[in-house]
């Protein structure tokens, strides 16, 4: 059976969007990682970016996760007029 896990990029509002999705789908976040959680000497994170979402996941069905991240400003803004999501599929027997 094919499982699809959509991944959406946000311009700093992933937490807000996922709070809304949680209110619609219910459940609890499976994972929330902020940029400050992975910061180190080798991977410094700017103070204005530290609370942005590196990865957030919300189960929305059996074996399906809705996943997202905020794109750091240094990488430029996500053009919201373009397709800005990725869909990952996994085949399981």
PDB file of N, CA and C in Angstrom:
ATOM      1  N   UNK A   1       0.837  -1.164   0.000  1.00  0.00           N
ATOM      2  CA  UNK A   1       0.000   0.000   0.000  1.00  0.00           C
ATOM      3  C   UNK A   1       0.891   1.239   0.000  1.00  0.00           C
ATOM      4  N   UNK A   2       0.550   2.204  -0.804  1.00  0.00           N
ATOM      5  CA  UNK A   2       1.321   3.437  -0.901  1.00  0.00           C
ATOM      6  C   UNK A   2       0.876   4.415   0.169  1.00  0.00           C
ATOM      7  N   UNK A   3       1.829   4.967   0.893  1.00  0.00           N
ATOM      8  CA  UNK A   3       1.573   5.991   1.905  1.00  0.00           C
ATOM      9  C   UNK A   3       2.126   7.307   1.388  1.00  0.00           C
ATOM     10  N   UNK A   4       1.364   8.356   1.492  1.00  0.00           N
ATOM     11  CA  UNK A   4       1.801   9.675   1.041  1.00  0.00           C
ATOM     12  C   UNK A   4       1.913  10.599   2.244  1.00  0.00           C
ATOM     13  N   UNK A   5       3.059  11.260   2.362  1.00  0.00           N
ATOM     14  CA  UNK A   5       3.317  12.195   3.448  1.00  0.00           C
ATOM     15  C   UNK A   5       3.676  13.562   2.862  1.00  0.00           C
ATOM     16  N   UNK A   6       2.700  14.474   2.747  1.00  0.00           N
ATOM     17  CA  UNK A   6       2.998  15.799   2.198  1.00  0.00           C
ATOM     18  C   UNK A   6       3.933  16.580   3.113  1.00  0.00           C
ATOM     19  N   UNK A   7       4.845  17.325   2.498  1.00  0.00           N
ATOM     20  CA  UNK A   7       5.804  18.168   3.232  1.00  0.00           C
ATOM     21  C   UNK A   7       5.673  19.578   2.678  1.00  0.00           C
ATOM     22  N   UNK A   8       5.396  20.545   3.563  1.00  0.00           N
ATOM     23  CA  UNK A   8       5.135  21.917   3.145  1.00  0.00           C
ATOM     24  C   UNK A   8       6.214  22.836   3.717  1.00  0.00           C
ATOM     25  N   UNK A   9       6.698  23.755   2.900  1.00  0.00           N
ATOM     26  CA  UNK A   9       7.659  24.767   3.336  1.00  0.00           C
ATOM     27  C   UNK A   9       6.906  26.051   3.675  1.00  0.00           C
ATOM     28  N   UNK A  10       7.276  26.696   4.774  1.00  0.00           N
ATOM     29  CA  UNK A  10       6.638  27.940   5.206  1.00  0.00           C
ATOM     30  C   UNK A  10       7.667  29.042   5.369  1.00  0.00           C
ATOM     31  N   UNK A  11       7.183  30.284   5.328  1.00  0.00           N
ATOM     32  CA  UNK A  11       8.020  31.476   5.516  1.00  0.00           C
ATOM     33  C   UNK A  11       7.960  31.959   6.958  1.00  0.00           C
ATOM     34  N   UNK A  12       8.131  31.042   7.909  1.00  0.00           N
ATOM     35  CA  UNK A  12       8.160  31.440   9.308  1.00  0.00           C
ATOM     36  C   UNK A  12       6.851  31.261  10.050  1.00  0.00           C
ATOM     37  N   UNK A  13       5.825  30.721   9.398  1.00  0.00           N
ATOM     38  CA  UNK A  13       4.540  30.546  10.071  1.00  0.00           C
ATOM     39  C   UNK A  13       4.088  29.085  10.125  1.00  0.00           C
ATOM     40  N   UNK A  14       5.037  28.158  10.131  1.00  0.00           N
ATOM     41  CA  UNK A  14       4.691  26.736  10.200  1.00  0.00           C
ATOM     42  C   UNK A  14       3.957  26.398  11.490  1.00  0.00           C
ATOM     43  N   UNK A  15       4.392  26.951  12.618  1.00  0.00           N
ATOM     44  CA  UNK A  15       3.729  26.659  13.898  1.00  0.00           C
ATOM     45  C   UNK A  15       2.266  27.097  13.850  1.00  0.00           C
ATOM     46  N   UNK A  16       2.027  28.298  13.359  1.00  0.00           N
ATOM     47  CA  UNK A  16       0.659  28.818  13.263  1.00  0.00           C
ATOM     48  C   UNK A  16      -0.198  27.928  12.358  1.00  0.00           C
ATOM     49  N   UNK A  17       0.336  27.556  11.214  1.00  0.00           N
ATOM     50  CA  UNK A  17      -0.403  26.706  10.285  1.00  0.00           C
ATOM     51  C   UNK A  17      -0.697  25.343  10.906  1.00  0.00           C
ATOM     52  N   UNK A  18       0.286  24.767  11.576  1.00  0.00           N
ATOM     53  CA  UNK A  18       0.091  23.438  12.149  1.00  0.00           C
ATOM     54  C   UNK A  18      -0.817  23.454  13.383  1.00  0.00           C
ATOM     55  N   UNK A  19      -0.849  24.552  14.099  1.00  0.00           N
ATOM     56  CA  UNK A  19      -1.834  24.676  15.177  1.00  0.00           C
ATOM     57  C   UNK A  19      -3.244  24.637  14.577  1.00  0.00           C
ATOM     58  N   UNK A  20      -3.406  25.282  13.435  1.00  0.00           N
ATOM     59  CA  UNK A  20      -4.703  25.237  12.748  1.00  0.00           C
ATOM     60  C   UNK A  20      -5.007  23.818  12.255  1.00  0.00           C
ATOM     61  N   UNK A  21      -4.042  23.169  11.597  1.00  0.00           N
ATOM     62  CA  UNK A  21      -4.263  21.801  11.105  1.00  0.00           C
ATOM     63  C   UNK A  21      -4.613  20.855  12.254  1.00  0.00           C
ATOM     64  N   UNK A  22      -3.973  21.056  13.392  1.00  0.00           N
ATOM     65  CA  UNK A  22      -4.257  20.227  14.569  1.00  0.00           C
ATOM     66  C   UNK A  22      -5.700  20.437  15.029  1.00  0.00           C
ATOM     67  N   UNK A  23      -6.180  21.668  14.945  1.00  0.00           N
ATOM     68  CA  UNK A  23      -7.567  21.942  15.337  1.00  0.00           C
ATOM     69  C   UNK A  23      -8.556  21.295  14.368  1.00  0.00           C
ATOM     70  N   UNK A  24      -8.146  21.111  13.124  1.00  0.00           N
ATOM     71  CA  UNK A  24      -9.003  20.487  12.119  1.00  0.00           C
ATOM     72  C   UNK A  24      -8.947  18.967  12.204  1.00  0.00           C
ATOM     73  N   UNK A  25      -7.740  18.401  12.216  1.00  0.00           N
ATOM     74  CA  UNK A  25      -7.556  16.944  12.168  1.00  0.00           C
ATOM     75  C   UNK A  25      -7.543  16.292  13.553  1.00  0.00           C
ATOM     76  N   UNK A  26      -7.268  17.078  14.600  1.00  0.00           N
ATOM     77  CA  UNK A  26      -7.126  16.508  15.933  1.00  0.00           C
ATOM     78  C   UNK A  26      -5.766  15.856  16.084  1.00  0.00           C
ATOM     79  N   UNK A  27      -5.589  15.143  17.181  1.00  0.00           N
ATOM     80  CA  UNK A  27      -4.334  14.442  17.420  1.00  0.00           C
ATOM     81  C   UNK A  27      -3.291  15.331  18.062  1.00  0.00           C
ATOM     82  N   UNK A  28      -2.102  14.788  18.141  1.00  0.00           N
ATOM     83  CA  UNK A  28      -0.964  15.481  18.735  1.00  0.00           C
ATOM     84  C   UNK A  28       0.190  15.482  17.743  1.00  0.00           C
ATOM     85  N   UNK A  29       1.057  16.469  17.851  1.00  0.00           N
ATOM     86  CA  UNK A  29       2.225  16.521  16.980  1.00  0.00           C
ATOM     87  C   UNK A  29       3.117  15.322  17.282  1.00  0.00           C
ATOM     88  N   UNK A  30       3.539  14.635  16.233  1.00  0.00           N
ATOM     89  CA  UNK A  30       4.430  13.485  16.393  1.00  0.00           C
ATOM     90  C   UNK A  30       5.853  13.944  16.663  1.00  0.00           C
ATOM     91  N   UNK A  31       6.205  15.108  16.159  1.00  0.00           N
ATOM     92  CA  UNK A  31       7.573  15.602  16.294  1.00  0.00           C
ATOM     93  C   UNK A  31       7.569  17.107  16.067  1.00  0.00           C
ATOM     94  N   UNK A  32       8.270  17.827  16.923  1.00  0.00           N
ATOM     95  CA  UNK A  32       8.500  19.256  16.721  1.00  0.00           C
ATOM     96  C   UNK A  32       9.967  19.512  17.023  1.00  0.00           C
ATOM     97  N   UNK A  33      10.706  19.974  16.021  1.00  0.00           N
ATOM     98  CA  UNK A  33      12.116  20.316  16.184  1.00  0.00           C
ATOM     99  C   UNK A  33      12.283  21.756  15.728  1.00  0.00           C
ATOM    100  N   UNK A  34      12.816  22.575  16.599  1.00  0.00           N
ATOM    101  CA  UNK A  34      13.096  23.968  16.256  1.00  0.00           C
ATOM    102  C   UNK A  34      14.582  24.089  15.898  1.00  0.00           C
ATOM    103  N   UNK A  35      14.915  25.134  15.160  1.00  0.00           N
ATOM    104  CA  UNK A  35      16.305  25.310  14.762  1.00  0.00           C
ATOM    105  C   UNK A  35      17.231  25.394  15.963  1.00  0.00           C
ATOM    106  N   UNK A  36      16.775  25.974  17.076  1.00  0.00           N
ATOM    107  CA  UNK A  36      17.628  26.064  18.265  1.00  0.00           C
ATOM    108  C   UNK A  36      17.954  24.688  18.831  1.00  0.00           C
ATOM    109  N   UNK A  37      17.100  23.683  18.544  1.00  0.00           N
ATOM    110  CA  UNK A  37      17.329  22.329  19.049  1.00  0.00           C
ATOM    111  C   UNK A  37      18.522  21.650  18.386  1.00  0.00           C
ATOM    112  N   UNK A  38      18.913  22.142  17.229  1.00  0.00           N
ATOM    113  CA  UNK A  38      20.043  21.523  16.516  1.00  0.00           C
ATOM    114  C   UNK A  38      21.253  22.449  16.439  1.00  0.00           C
ATOM    115  N   UNK A  39      21.136  23.619  17.055  1.00  0.00           N
ATOM    116  CA  UNK A  39      22.237  24.589  17.014  1.00  0.00           C
ATOM    117  C   UNK A  39      23.470  24.035  17.726  1.00  0.00           C
ATOM    118  N   UNK A  40      24.632  24.378  17.183  1.00  0.00           N
ATOM    119  CA  UNK A  40      25.909  23.982  17.776  1.00  0.00           C
ATOM    120  C   UNK A  40      26.975  24.937  17.254  1.00  0.00           C
ATOM    121  N   UNK A  41      28.194  24.744  17.698  1.00  0.00           N
ATOM    122  CA  UNK A  41      29.295  25.565  17.177  1.00  0.00           C
ATOM    123  C   UNK A  41      29.466  25.351  15.679  1.00  0.00           C
ATOM    124  N   UNK A  42      29.243  24.126  15.227  1.00  0.00           N
ATOM    125  CA  UNK A  42      29.386  23.812  13.810  1.00  0.00           C
ATOM    126  C   UNK A  42      28.173  24.254  13.001  1.00  0.00           C
ATOM    127  N   UNK A  43      27.034  24.414  13.668  1.00  0.00           N
ATOM    128  CA  UNK A  43      25.792  24.814  12.999  1.00  0.00           C
ATOM    129  C   UNK A  43      25.142  25.937  13.797  1.00  0.00           C
ATOM    130  N   UNK A  44      25.702  27.158  13.704  1.00  0.00           N
ATOM    131  CA  UNK A  44      25.121  28.277  14.453  1.00  0.00           C
ATOM    132  C   UNK A  44      23.773  28.687  13.863  1.00  0.00           C
ATOM    133  N   UNK A  45      22.876  29.115  14.725  1.00  0.00           N
ATOM    134  CA  UNK A  45      21.547  29.549  14.308  1.00  0.00           C
ATOM    135  C   UNK A  45      21.346  30.980  14.798  1.00  0.00           C
ATOM    136  N   UNK A  46      20.942  31.851  13.884  1.00  0.00           N
ATOM    137  CA  UNK A  46      20.690  33.245  14.241  1.00  0.00           C
ATOM    138  C   UNK A  46      19.557  33.325  15.263  1.00  0.00           C
ATOM    139  N   UNK A  47      19.653  34.280  16.173  1.00  0.00           N
ATOM    140  CA  UNK A  47      18.648  34.423  17.229  1.00  0.00           C
ATOM    141  C   UNK A  47      17.240  34.581  16.655  1.00  0.00           C
ATOM    142  N   UNK A  48      17.106  35.312  15.556  1.00  0.00           N
ATOM    143  CA  UNK A  48      15.776  35.523  14.968  1.00  0.00           C
ATOM    144  C   UNK A  48      15.213  34.260  14.310  1.00  0.00           C
ATOM    145  N   UNK A  49      16.058  33.250  14.108  1.00  0.00           N
ATOM    146  CA  UNK A  49      15.621  32.002  13.486  1.00  0.00           C
ATOM    147  C   UNK A  49      15.447  30.855  14.481  1.00  0.00           C
ATOM    148  N   UNK A  50      15.944  31.017  15.709  1.00  0.00           N
ATOM    149  CA  UNK A  50      16.044  29.878  16.623  1.00  0.00           C
ATOM    150  C   UNK A  50      14.706  29.238  16.986  1.00  0.00           C
ATOM    151  N   UNK A  51      13.620  29.982  17.010  1.00  0.00           N
ATOM    152  CA  UNK A  51      12.324  29.400  17.361  1.00  0.00           C
ATOM    153  C   UNK A  51      11.502  28.968  16.157  1.00  0.00           C
ATOM    154  N   UNK A  52      12.050  29.151  14.975  1.00  0.00           N
ATOM    155  CA  UNK A  52      11.353  28.679  13.780  1.00  0.00           C
ATOM    156  C   UNK A  52      11.418  27.150  13.720  1.00  0.00           C
ATOM    157  N   UNK A  53      10.492  26.590  12.983  1.00  0.00           N
ATOM    158  CA  UNK A  53      10.347  25.138  12.907  1.00  0.00           C
ATOM    159  C   UNK A  53      11.310  24.542  11.874  1.00  0.00           C
ATOM    160  N   UNK A  54      12.145  23.620  12.338  1.00  0.00           N
ATOM    161  CA  UNK A  54      12.988  22.861  11.418  1.00  0.00           C
ATOM    162  C   UNK A  54      12.204  21.673  10.862  1.00  0.00           C
ATOM    163  N   UNK A  55      11.381  21.058  11.741  1.00  0.00           N
ATOM    164  CA  UNK A  55      10.526  19.947  11.308  1.00  0.00           C
ATOM    165  C   UNK A  55       9.381  19.807  12.288  1.00  0.00           C
ATOM    166  N   UNK A  56       8.178  19.687  11.727  1.00  0.00           N
ATOM    167  CA  UNK A  56       6.987  19.427  12.533  1.00  0.00           C
ATOM    168  C   UNK A  56       6.174  18.376  11.791  1.00  0.00           C
ATOM    169  N   UNK A  57       5.581  17.474  12.532  1.00  0.00           N
ATOM    170  CA  UNK A  57       4.798  16.404  11.908  1.00  0.00           C
ATOM    171  C   UNK A  57       3.503  16.196  12.682  1.00  0.00           C
ATOM    172  N   UNK A  58       2.420  15.999  11.938  1.00  0.00           N
ATOM    173  CA  UNK A  58       1.112  15.746  12.528  1.00  0.00           C
ATOM    174  C   UNK A  58       0.484  14.542  11.842  1.00  0.00           C
ATOM    175  N   UNK A  59       0.198  13.476  12.598  1.00  0.00           N
ATOM    176  CA  UNK A  59      -0.503  12.338  12.001  1.00  0.00           C
ATOM    177  C   UNK A  59      -1.906  12.775  11.565  1.00  0.00           C
ATOM    178  N   UNK A  60      -2.266  12.483  10.316  1.00  0.00           N
ATOM    179  CA  UNK A  60      -3.590  12.867   9.810  1.00  0.00           C
ATOM    180  C   UNK A  60      -4.379  11.662   9.308  1.00  0.00           C
ATOM    181  N   UNK A  61      -3.895  10.510   9.586  1.00  0.00           N
ATOM    182  CA  UNK A  61      -4.580   9.289   9.194  1.00  0.00           C
ATOM    183  C   UNK A  61      -3.682   8.118   9.523  1.00  0.00           C
ATOM    184  N   UNK A  62      -4.163   6.936   9.253  1.00  0.00           N
ATOM    185  CA  UNK A  62      -3.376   5.749   9.559  1.00  0.00           C
ATOM    186  C   UNK A  62      -2.103   5.720   8.709  1.00  0.00           C
ATOM    187  N   UNK A  63      -0.968   5.940   9.378  1.00  0.00           N
ATOM    188  CA  UNK A  63       0.318   5.891   8.693  1.00  0.00           C
ATOM    189  C   UNK A  63       0.644   7.095   7.839  1.00  0.00           C
ATOM    190  N   UNK A  64      -0.147   8.158   7.916  1.00  0.00           N
ATOM    191  CA  UNK A  64       0.090   9.349   7.101  1.00  0.00           C
ATOM    192  C   UNK A  64       0.448  10.525   7.993  1.00  0.00           C
ATOM    193  N   UNK A  65       1.523  11.212   7.639  1.00  0.00           N
ATOM    194  CA  UNK A  65       1.961  12.397   8.371  1.00  0.00           C
ATOM    195  C   UNK A  65       1.900  13.616   7.464  1.00  0.00           C
ATOM    196  N   UNK A  66       1.462  14.723   8.014  1.00  0.00           N
ATOM    197  CA  UNK A  66       1.594  16.013   7.372  1.00  0.00           C
ATOM    198  C   UNK A  66       2.840  16.624   8.006  1.00  0.00           C
ATOM    199  N   UNK A  67       3.822  16.991   7.186  1.00  0.00           N
ATOM    200  CA  UNK A  67       5.136  17.428   7.668  1.00  0.00           C
ATOM    201  C   UNK A  67       5.429  18.821   7.107  1.00  0.00           C
ATOM    202  N   UNK A  68       6.163  19.620   7.874  1.00  0.00           N
ATOM    203  CA  UNK A  68       6.510  20.955   7.388  1.00  0.00           C
ATOM    204  C   UNK A  68       7.773  21.470   8.051  1.00  0.00           C
ATOM    205  N   UNK A  69       8.244  22.582   7.524  1.00  0.00           N
ATOM    206  CA  UNK A  69       9.367  23.315   8.100  1.00  0.00           C
ATOM    207  C   UNK A  69       9.256  24.779   7.700  1.00  0.00           C
ATOM    208  N   UNK A  70       9.944  25.630   8.456  1.00  0.00           N
ATOM    209  CA  UNK A  70      10.121  27.026   8.058  1.00  0.00           C
ATOM    210  C   UNK A  70      11.423  27.103   7.282  1.00  0.00           C
ATOM    211  N   UNK A  71      11.429  27.875   6.230  1.00  0.00           N
ATOM    212  CA  UNK A  71      12.642  28.065   5.446  1.00  0.00           C
ATOM    213  C   UNK A  71      13.423  29.220   6.075  1.00  0.00           C
ATOM    214  N   UNK A  72      14.676  28.988   6.470  1.00  0.00           N
ATOM    215  CA  UNK A  72      15.476  30.080   7.054  1.00  0.00           C
ATOM    216  C   UNK A  72      15.615  31.246   6.082  1.00  0.00           C
ATOM    217  N   UNK A  73      15.599  32.450   6.599  1.00  0.00           N
ATOM    218  CA  UNK A  73      15.669  33.648   5.758  1.00  0.00           C
ATOM    219  C   UNK A  73      16.902  33.669   4.868  1.00  0.00           C
ATOM    220  N   UNK A  74      18.005  33.103   5.339  1.00  0.00           N
ATOM    221  CA  UNK A  74      19.239  33.088   4.558  1.00  0.00           C
ATOM    222  C   UNK A  74      19.053  32.338   3.230  1.00  0.00           C
ATOM    223  N   UNK A  75      18.081  31.446   3.165  1.00  0.00           N
ATOM    224  CA  UNK A  75      17.802  30.693   1.937  1.00  0.00           C
ATOM    225  C   UNK A  75      16.798  31.390   1.037  1.00  0.00           C
ATOM    226  N   UNK A  76      16.298  32.544   1.474  1.00  0.00           N
ATOM    227  CA  UNK A  76      15.320  33.283   0.680  1.00  0.00           C
ATOM    228  C   UNK A  76      13.906  32.874   1.030  1.00  0.00           C
ATOM    229  N   UNK A  77      12.976  33.679   0.587  1.00  0.00           N
ATOM    230  CA  UNK A  77      11.576  33.405   0.874  1.00  0.00           C
ATOM    231  C   UNK A  77      11.031  32.356  -0.090  1.00  0.00           C
ATOM    232  N   UNK A  78      10.094  31.580   0.408  1.00  0.00           N
ATOM    233  CA  UNK A  78       9.378  30.626  -0.420  1.00  0.00           C
ATOM    234  C   UNK A  78       8.388  31.430  -1.244  1.00  0.00           C
ATOM    235  N   UNK A  79       8.396  31.224  -2.549  1.00  0.00           N
ATOM    236  CA  UNK A  79       7.446  31.911  -3.415  1.00  0.00           C
ATOM    237  C   UNK A  79       6.105  31.200  -3.299  1.00  0.00           C
ATOM    238  N   UNK A  80       5.151  31.845  -2.658  1.00  0.00           N
ATOM    239  CA  UNK A  80       3.866  31.208  -2.406  1.00  0.00           C
ATOM    240  C   UNK A  80       3.012  31.106  -3.661  1.00  0.00           C
ATOM    241  N   UNK A  81       3.463  31.676  -4.771  1.00  0.00           N
ATOM    242  CA  UNK A  81       2.751  31.544  -6.037  1.00  0.00           C
ATOM    243  C   UNK A  81       3.158  30.267  -6.775  1.00  0.00           C
ATOM    244  N   UNK A  82       4.181  29.600  -6.264  1.00  0.00           N
ATOM    245  CA  UNK A  82       4.663  28.356  -6.864  1.00  0.00           C
ATOM    246  C   UNK A  82       4.242  27.179  -6.003  1.00  0.00           C
ATOM    247  N   UNK A  83       4.373  25.983  -6.557  1.00  0.00           N
ATOM    248  CA  UNK A  83       4.129  24.777  -5.780  1.00  0.00           C
ATOM    249  C   UNK A  83       5.255  24.683  -4.760  1.00  0.00           C
ATOM    250  N   UNK A  84       4.932  24.745  -3.487  1.00  0.00           N
ATOM    251  CA  UNK A  84       5.955  24.780  -2.457  1.00  0.00           C
ATOM    252  C   UNK A  84       5.924  23.568  -1.550  1.00  0.00           C
ATOM    253  N   UNK A  85       5.339  22.517  -2.003  1.00  0.00           N
ATOM    254  CA  UNK A  85       5.289  21.321  -1.153  1.00  0.00           C
ATOM    255  C   UNK A  85       5.944  20.147  -1.850  1.00  0.00           C
ATOM    256  N   UNK A  86       6.307  19.183  -1.041  1.00  0.00           N
ATOM    257  CA  UNK A  86       6.887  17.956  -1.546  1.00  0.00           C
ATOM    258  C   UNK A  86       5.981  16.835  -1.084  1.00  0.00           C
ATOM    259  N   UNK A  87       5.848  15.795  -1.859  1.00  0.00           N
ATOM    260  CA  UNK A  87       5.053  14.653  -1.451  1.00  0.00           C
ATOM    261  C   UNK A  87       5.962  13.432  -1.468  1.00  0.00           C
ATOM    262  N   UNK A  88       6.079  12.797  -0.317  1.00  0.00           N
ATOM    263  CA  UNK A  88       6.896  11.611  -0.190  1.00  0.00           C
ATOM    264  C   UNK A  88       5.988  10.391  -0.106  1.00  0.00           C
ATOM    265  N   UNK A  89       6.277   9.421  -0.908  1.00  0.00           N
ATOM    266  CA  UNK A  89       5.483   8.198  -0.867  1.00  0.00           C
ATOM    267  C   UNK A  89       6.348   7.039  -0.417  1.00  0.00           C
ATOM    268  N   UNK A  90       5.723   6.086   0.238  1.00  0.00           N
ATOM    269  CA  UNK A  90       6.429   4.897   0.687  1.00  0.00           C
ATOM    270  C   UNK A  90       5.506   3.715   0.461  1.00  0.00           C
ATOM    271  N   UNK A  91       5.998   2.718  -0.210  1.00  0.00           N
ATOM    272  CA  UNK A  91       5.198   1.529  -0.457  1.00  0.00           C
ATOM    273  C   UNK A  91       5.444   0.526   0.651  1.00  0.00           C
ATOM    274  N   UNK A  92       4.364   0.063   1.243  1.00  0.00           N
ATOM    275  CA  UNK A  92       4.458  -0.969   2.287  1.00  0.00           C
ATOM    276  C   UNK A  92       3.509  -2.095   1.955  1.00  0.00           C
ATOM    277  N   UNK A  93       3.968  -3.300   2.213  1.00  0.00           N
ATOM    278  CA  UNK A  93       3.103  -4.479   1.983  1.00  0.00           C
ATOM    279  C   UNK A  93       2.243  -4.730   3.188  1.00  0.00           C
TER     280      UNK A  93
END
